[in-house]
Protein backbone atom coordinates (compact mmCIF):
# COMPACT_ATOMS: atom_id res chain seq x y z
CA MET A 1 0.00 0.00 0.00
CA PHE A 2 1.34 3.43 -1.03
CA GLN A 3 0.22 6.23 1.32
CA ILE A 4 0.87 9.96 1.40
CA ARG A 5 -0.26 11.95 4.43
CA ALA A 6 -0.38 15.53 5.62
CA ALA A 7 -1.94 17.30 8.60
CA PHE A 8 -2.42 20.90 9.69
CA SER A 9 -3.59 22.29 13.02
CA GLU A 10 -3.66 25.89 14.17
CA GLN A 11 -5.52 28.09 16.59
CA VAL A 12 -6.25 31.75 15.86
CA GLU A 13 -8.12 34.48 17.68
CA TRP A 14 -9.95 37.05 15.59
CA ARG A 15 -12.09 40.11 16.29
CA THR A 16 -15.41 38.64 15.19
CA SER A 17 -18.36 36.84 16.72
CA ALA A 18 -18.51 33.04 16.91
CA GLU A 19 -21.75 33.15 14.91
CA ARG A 20 -20.17 35.14 12.08
CA ALA A 21 -17.09 32.87 12.04
CA ARG A 22 -19.27 29.76 11.99
CA GLU A 23 -21.33 31.10 9.08
CA PHE A 24 -18.14 31.88 7.17
CA PHE A 25 -16.55 28.46 7.74
CA SER A 26 -19.85 26.70 6.96
CA ASP A 27 -20.02 28.24 3.49
CA LEU A 28 -17.96 25.97 1.24
CA LYS A 29 -17.76 28.57 -1.53
CA ASN A 30 -15.39 30.53 0.76
CA PHE A 31 -12.90 27.65 0.57
CA ALA A 32 -13.10 27.45 -3.21
CA GLU A 33 -12.71 31.21 -3.47
CA LEU A 34 -10.00 31.84 -0.86
CA MET A 35 -7.92 28.66 -0.58
CA PRO A 36 -5.21 28.23 -3.21
CA GLY A 37 -5.37 24.87 -4.95
CA VAL A 38 -9.08 24.32 -4.38
CA GLU A 39 -10.44 24.42 -7.92
CA ARG A 40 -14.06 23.87 -6.94
CA ILE A 41 -16.40 22.33 -4.42
CA THR A 42 -19.66 20.83 -5.64
CA ALA A 43 -22.60 19.45 -3.72
CA GLY A 44 -23.71 15.95 -4.57
CA ALA A 45 -26.39 13.50 -3.55
CA GLY A 46 -26.90 12.56 0.08
CA GLY A 47 -25.08 15.57 1.51
CA VAL A 48 -21.74 14.62 -0.03
CA ALA A 49 -19.54 17.47 -1.24
CA ARG A 50 -16.70 16.93 -3.71
CA TRP A 51 -13.57 19.03 -3.24
CA LEU A 52 -11.39 19.16 -6.36
CA ILE A 53 -7.84 20.11 -5.32
CA ARG A 54 -4.69 20.64 -7.37
CA SER A 55 -1.23 20.69 -5.83
CA GLU A 56 2.23 21.15 -7.32
CA VAL A 57 4.66 18.51 -6.10
CA PRO A 58 8.38 18.60 -6.89
CA VAL A 59 9.68 15.68 -8.95
CA ILE A 60 6.24 14.58 -10.19
CA GLY A 61 4.56 17.88 -11.04
CA SER A 62 0.89 18.69 -10.63
CA ILE A 63 -1.46 16.32 -8.83
CA ARG A 64 -5.21 16.85 -9.07
CA GLN A 65 -7.46 14.80 -6.79
CA ALA A 66 -11.13 14.76 -5.81
CA PHE A 67 -12.15 14.30 -2.18
CA ASP A 68 -15.70 13.24 -1.38
CA VAL A 69 -16.70 14.40 2.11
CA PHE A 70 -19.86 14.79 4.16
CA GLN A 71 -20.61 16.94 7.16
CA THR A 72 -20.41 14.91 10.37
CA SER A 73 -20.88 17.84 12.74
CA GLY A 74 -22.55 21.18 12.17
CA GLY A 75 -23.31 22.55 15.62
CA ALA A 76 -22.82 26.06 16.92
CA GLU A 77 -19.36 25.29 18.32
CA ARG A 78 -17.98 22.86 15.72
CA ILE A 79 -18.05 22.10 12.00
CA GLU A 80 -16.59 18.83 10.78
CA TRP A 81 -16.31 17.30 7.32
CA SER A 82 -15.13 13.69 7.06
CA PRO A 83 -14.49 11.24 4.22
CA ALA A 84 -17.71 10.05 2.58
CA PRO A 85 -18.81 6.50 3.40
CA GLY A 86 -17.17 4.04 1.06
CA GLU A 87 -14.19 6.29 0.23
CA ARG A 88 -11.06 4.16 -0.19
CA LYS A 89 -8.45 6.38 -1.88
CA ASN A 90 -8.71 10.09 -1.06
CA PHE A 91 -9.37 11.10 2.52
CA LEU A 92 -9.99 14.68 3.67
CA ARG A 93 -11.04 15.60 7.18
CA TYR A 94 -11.62 19.22 8.10
CA VAL A 95 -12.63 20.56 11.53
CA ALA A 96 -13.27 24.11 12.71
CA SER A 97 -14.27 24.86 16.30
CA PHE A 98 -15.35 28.20 17.73
CA GLU A 99 -15.15 29.71 21.19
CA GLU A 100 -16.38 33.25 21.75
CA ARG A 101 -14.20 35.23 24.14
CA GLY A 102 -15.78 38.67 24.55
CA ALA A 103 -15.00 40.74 21.45
CA THR A 104 -12.95 37.95 19.89
CA THR A 105 -13.46 34.35 18.84
CA ARG A 106 -10.90 31.59 19.19
CA ILE A 107 -10.99 29.39 16.10
CA ARG A 108 -9.21 26.05 15.93
CA ILE A 109 -8.63 24.62 12.45
CA GLU A 110 -7.56 21.05 11.74
CA GLN A 111 -7.14 19.47 8.34
CA ARG A 112 -5.90 15.98 7.47
CA VAL A 113 -5.29 14.65 4.00
CA GLU A 114 -4.38 11.12 2.99
CA LEU A 115 -3.98 9.53 -0.42
CA ARG A 116 -3.95 5.72 -0.53
CA ARG A 117 -3.14 3.54 -3.51
CA GLN A 118 -2.26 -0.13 -3.94
CA HIS A 119 0.71 0.90 -6.07
CA ALA A 120 2.54 4.24 -6.37
CA ARG A 121 2.01 4.38 -10.15
CA GLU A 122 -1.78 4.60 -9.56
CA LEU A 123 -1.17 8.07 -8.15
CA HIS A 124 1.46 9.16 -10.69
CA LEU A 125 4.02 7.40 -12.86
CA LEU A 126 6.90 9.02 -10.93
CA ALA A 127 5.40 8.63 -7.44
CA GLY A 128 7.35 5.44 -6.69
CA LEU A 129 10.60 7.14 -7.65
CA ALA A 130 9.90 10.07 -5.32
CA GLY A 131 8.74 7.80 -2.47
CA GLU A 132 6.12 8.08 0.26
CA THR A 133 8.31 10.01 2.70
CA ARG A 134 9.31 12.73 0.26
CA LEU A 135 5.81 13.09 -1.20
CA SER A 136 4.28 13.25 2.29
CA ALA A 137 6.75 16.00 3.26
CA GLU A 138 5.93 17.97 0.12
CA MET A 139 2.19 17.51 0.61
CA GLN A 140 2.62 18.62 4.24
CA LYS A 141 4.20 21.89 3.04
CA SER A 142 1.52 22.35 0.40
CA VAL A 143 -1.39 21.77 2.81
CA ALA A 144 0.14 24.14 5.39
CA ASP A 145 0.62 26.86 2.76
CA MET A 146 -2.92 26.41 1.44
CA VAL A 147 -4.58 26.61 4.87
CA ARG A 148 -2.41 29.49 6.12
CA THR A 149 -3.19 31.52 3.01
CA PHE A 150 -6.88 30.72 3.46
CA LEU A 151 -6.74 31.83 7.11
CA GLN A 152 -5.06 35.13 6.19
CA ARG A 153 -7.74 35.85 3.61
CA ALA A 154 -10.53 34.71 5.93
CA ARG A 155 -9.29 36.97 8.71
CA ALA A 156 -9.29 39.97 6.38
CA ARG A 157 -12.95 39.29 5.58
CA LEU A 158 -14.13 38.42 9.07
CA GLU A 159 -12.47 41.33 10.83
CA LYS A 160 -13.99 43.89 8.49
CA PRO A 161 -16.66 45.97 10.24
């Protein structure tokens, strides 16, 4: 089994209400609009959303993958998207939690990505040459850059009066 993994976790505190932050993070079009690499997010049957993501990876070039996810939590304090039932290759888990603290809101973001294939060549012809460790490290950098850029752009929108 050939597996590539990446994870991101960060906590921020912004001058906005928890309700406004939750509304923003619940709207998937904000991710497609503000997160680099997210080409589009489409809603499908049964509450499943498909995230189409492109990432540039040294040695092998551009990788474009679709992640089918469904919302597993949508309460006032937490939003969570998890891999759709039956998913076997592309796993995306995204969590945002909100804690109002007076005039600010503490937001915790977590994102995990995993690509699984029986053989490296199923992902890309050069994936076996690059190896799991190197590709995971590159995907880790890419995911961190994507989410940090998204958070910078989100903050600019949410802290506007």
